[in-house]
Structures are given as structure tokens and as C-alpha cells.
C-alpha atoms as a PDB file:
ATOM      1  CA  MET A   1      36.835  94.012  83.150  1.00  0.00           C
ATOM      2  CA  GLY A   2      33.586  95.268  81.790  1.00  0.00           C
ATOM      3  CA  TYR A   3      31.997  98.005  79.784  1.00  0.00           C
ATOM      4  CA  THR A   4      29.565 100.858  80.268  1.00  0.00           C
ATOM      5  CA  ALA A   5      27.798 102.930  77.612  1.00  0.00           C
ATOM      6  CA  ALA A   6      26.032 106.143  78.596  1.00  0.00           C
ATOM      7  CA  VAL A   7      23.966 108.881  76.990  1.00  0.00           C
ATOM      8  CA  THR A   8      23.345 112.231  78.712  1.00  0.00           C
ATOM      9  CA  GLN A   9      20.676 114.750  77.744  1.00  0.00           C
ATOM     10  CA  ASN A  10      20.751 118.294  79.125  1.00  0.00           C
ATOM     11  CA  LEU A  11      17.348 119.374  80.435  1.00  0.00           C
ATOM     12  CA  GLY A  12      17.811 123.113  80.335  1.00  0.00           C
ATOM     13  CA  GLN A  13      20.719 125.005  81.850  1.00  0.00           C
ATOM     14  CA  ASP A  14      20.667 123.429  85.326  1.00  0.00           C
ATOM     15  CA  ALA A  15      19.645 119.773  84.894  1.00  0.00           C
ATOM     16  CA  SER A  16      20.569 116.649  82.977  1.00  0.00           C
ATOM     17  CA  ALA A  17      19.447 113.034  82.683  1.00  0.00           C
ATOM     18  CA  THR A  18      21.722 110.078  81.948  1.00  0.00           C
ATOM     19  CA  VAL A  19      20.918 106.505  80.927  1.00  0.00           C
ATOM     20  CA  MET A  20      23.689 103.902  81.314  1.00  0.00           C
ATOM     21  CA  TYR A  21      23.972 100.233  80.427  1.00  0.00           C
ATOM     22  CA  GLY A  22      26.916  98.039  81.231  1.00  0.00           C
ATOM     23  CA  SER A  23      28.322  94.662  82.111  1.00  0.00           C
ATOM     24  CA  MET A  24      30.825  94.025  84.891  1.00  0.00           C
ATOM     25  CA  GLY A  25      32.269  91.337  87.086  1.00  0.00           C
ATOM     26  CA  ALA A  26      30.096  90.230  90.001  1.00  0.00           C
ATOM     27  CA  LEU A  27      29.802  87.564  92.682  1.00  0.00           C
ATOM     28  CA  THR A  28      26.869  85.251  93.410  1.00  0.00           C
ATOM     29  CA  ALA A  29      26.192  82.389  95.812  1.00  0.00           C
ATOM     30  CA  ASP A  30      24.450  79.056  95.249  1.00  0.00           C
ATOM     31  CA  HIS A  31      20.898  78.638  96.567  1.00  0.00           C
ATOM     32  CA  GLY A  32      21.937  76.026  99.157  1.00  0.00           C
ATOM     33  CA  GLU A  33      22.422  76.536 102.869  1.00  0.00           C
ATOM     34  CA  THR A  34      25.621  75.907 104.792  1.00  0.00           C
ATOM     35  CA  ILE A  35      25.558  72.742 106.889  1.00  0.00           C
ATOM     36  CA  SER A  36      28.619  73.332 109.044  1.00  0.00           C
ATOM     37  CA  ASN A  37      30.570  76.301 110.409  1.00  0.00           C
ATOM     38  CA  ASN A  38      33.422  75.571 107.995  1.00  0.00           C
ATOM     39  CA  PRO A  39      34.299  78.753 106.017  1.00  0.00           C
ATOM     40  CA  ASP A  40      35.491  76.619 103.085  1.00  0.00           C
ATOM     41  CA  GLU A  41      31.918  75.420 102.606  1.00  0.00           C
ATOM     42  CA  LEU A  42      30.715  79.012 102.225  1.00  0.00           C
ATOM     43  CA  ARG A  43      33.638  79.884  99.921  1.00  0.00           C
ATOM     44  CA  SER A  44      32.758  76.947  97.656  1.00  0.00           C
ATOM     45  CA  MET A  45      29.244  78.392  97.208  1.00  0.00           C
ATOM     46  CA  ILE A  46      30.492  81.767  95.901  1.00  0.00           C
ATOM     47  CA  HIS A  47      31.126  82.113  92.171  1.00  0.00           C
ATOM     48  CA  ALA A  48      32.389  84.937  89.959  1.00  0.00           C
ATOM     49  CA  GLY A  49      30.622  85.869  86.749  1.00  0.00           C
ATOM     50  CA  ARG A  50      29.353  88.759  84.653  1.00  0.00           C
ATOM     51  CA  LYS A  51      26.187  90.741  85.269  1.00  0.00           C
ATOM     52  CA  ASP A  52      24.402  93.397  83.209  1.00  0.00           C
ATOM     53  CA  ALA A  53      22.909  96.510  84.780  1.00  0.00           C
ATOM     54  CA  ALA A  54      20.925  99.528  83.595  1.00  0.00           C
ATOM     55  CA  THR A  55      21.158 102.842  85.449  1.00  0.00           C
ATOM     56  CA  PHE A  56      19.124 106.048  85.263  1.00  0.00           C
ATOM     57  CA  ARG A  57      20.586 109.222  86.780  1.00  0.00           C
ATOM     58  CA  VAL A  58      19.225 112.768  87.121  1.00  0.00           C
ATOM     59  CA  SER A  59      21.431 115.702  88.123  1.00  0.00           C
ATOM     60  CA  ALA A  60      20.350 119.268  88.901  1.00  0.00           C
ATOM     61  CA  THR A  61      21.722 122.457  90.429  1.00  0.00           C
ATOM     62  CA  ALA A  62      19.550 124.986  92.301  1.00  0.00           C
ATOM     63  CA  ARG A  63      20.312 128.401  90.799  1.00  0.00           C
ATOM     64  CA  TRP A  64      19.907 130.514  93.935  1.00  0.00           C
ATOM     65  CA  THR A  65      21.722 128.292  96.450  1.00  0.00           C
ATOM     66  CA  GLY A  66      24.142 126.444  94.177  1.00  0.00           C
ATOM     67  CA  THR A  67      23.047 123.142  95.744  1.00  0.00           C
ATOM     68  CA  HIS A  68      23.917 120.209  93.477  1.00  0.00           C
ATOM     69  CA  MET A  69      21.577 117.183  93.645  1.00  0.00           C
ATOM     70  CA  ILE A  70      21.981 113.752  92.076  1.00  0.00           C
ATOM     71  CA  ALA A  71      19.496 110.875  92.159  1.00  0.00           C
ATOM     72  CA  SER A  72      20.013 107.512  90.487  1.00  0.00           C
ATOM     73  CA  TYR A  73      18.503 104.038  90.282  1.00  0.00           C
ATOM     74  CA  GLN A  74      20.225 100.867  89.082  1.00  0.00           C
ATOM     75  CA  TRP A  75      18.349  97.779  87.883  1.00  0.00           C
ATOM     76  CA  THR A  76      19.594  94.202  87.473  1.00  0.00           C
ATOM     77  CA  ALA A  77      17.512  91.127  86.700  1.00  0.00           C
ATOM     78  CA  ASP A  78      18.835  88.979  89.580  1.00  0.00           C
ATOM     79  CA  HIS A  79      19.335  90.546  93.015  1.00  0.00           C
ATOM     80  CA  ARG A  80      21.477  87.705  94.387  1.00  0.00           C
ATOM     81  CA  TRP A  81      24.579  89.232  92.812  1.00  0.00           C
ATOM     82  CA  ALA A  82      27.068  91.553  94.540  1.00  0.00           C
ATOM     83  CA  MET A  83      28.493  94.108  92.121  1.00  0.00           C
ATOM     84  CA  PRO A  84      31.205  96.690  92.787  1.00  0.00           C
ATOM     85  CA  GLY A  85      30.275 100.329  92.483  1.00  0.00           C
ATOM     86  CA  ASN A  86      31.200 101.820  89.132  1.00  0.00           C
ATOM     87  CA  VAL A  87      33.320 104.871  90.006  1.00  0.00           C
ATOM     88  CA  TYR A  88      32.722 106.394  86.560  1.00  0.00           C
ATOM     89  CA  SER A  89      28.936 106.513  86.978  1.00  0.00           C
ATOM     90  CA  THR A  90      28.516 107.014  90.738  1.00  0.00           C
ATOM     91  CA  GLN A  91      31.163 109.609  91.630  1.00  0.00           C
ATOM     92  CA  ALA A  92      31.715 113.193  90.531  1.00  0.00           C
ATOM     93  CA  PHE A  93      35.462 112.598  90.178  1.00  0.00           C
ATOM     94  CA  ARG A  94      37.441 110.450  87.776  1.00  0.00           C
ATOM     95  CA  PRO A  95      40.514 108.481  88.816  1.00  0.00           C
ATOM     96  CA  CYS A  96      43.681 109.361  86.934  1.00  0.00           C
ATOM     97  CA  ARG A  97      47.000 107.665  86.385  1.00  0.00           C
ATOM     98  CA  ALA A  98      50.143 109.153  87.897  1.00  0.00           C
END
């Protein structure tokens, strides 16, 4: 569960810029180090939570070759979190229900 809000501005006929902000589920680990080789010790250090992220994306198409280019950067305040990719903001396709 989470949310994402986005605004896209066309920059002429062949380019656009998008700014996104959202919150989604993420995983983080405690600062401590493992003492043994017991996997349960590592599992006990991992916690689920919510994390906010801001993303900037630029998209352009070269008129003569038809080459489509996308560049993006995502920022979060704490880099110790593992977040899933957001398919709605990172892929050109959208999943659909059957």
C-alpha cells in the first residue's frame, strides 16, 4: 500500500518532465552487526515500514531517429531502506487486470 502523486509538463512536442512524490512500503535493518551465522538473528534485524521518495524524470524523443530516451533520479532521506520499484513511474507499460 502506498500513494504516488505526479505532475508532468510537456517541454515542446518531443520532451516532457515529470515530478513525483510518494510513500510506499519499505524494509530497513538495525544498525547492529550480526554476532553469529544464525539467519534468525539477521531476520530479527529487518523491519518493515513506510518511506517517502521524490522522483524527477525527463523523457524525450529524437525526431529524426525516433529514439526514445528517459532519465530519472529518485531521492530518499535515508539510504538504508530497500524499496520496491514503482511500476507506474519506472516502466512504459501499465499492468492491467484480466
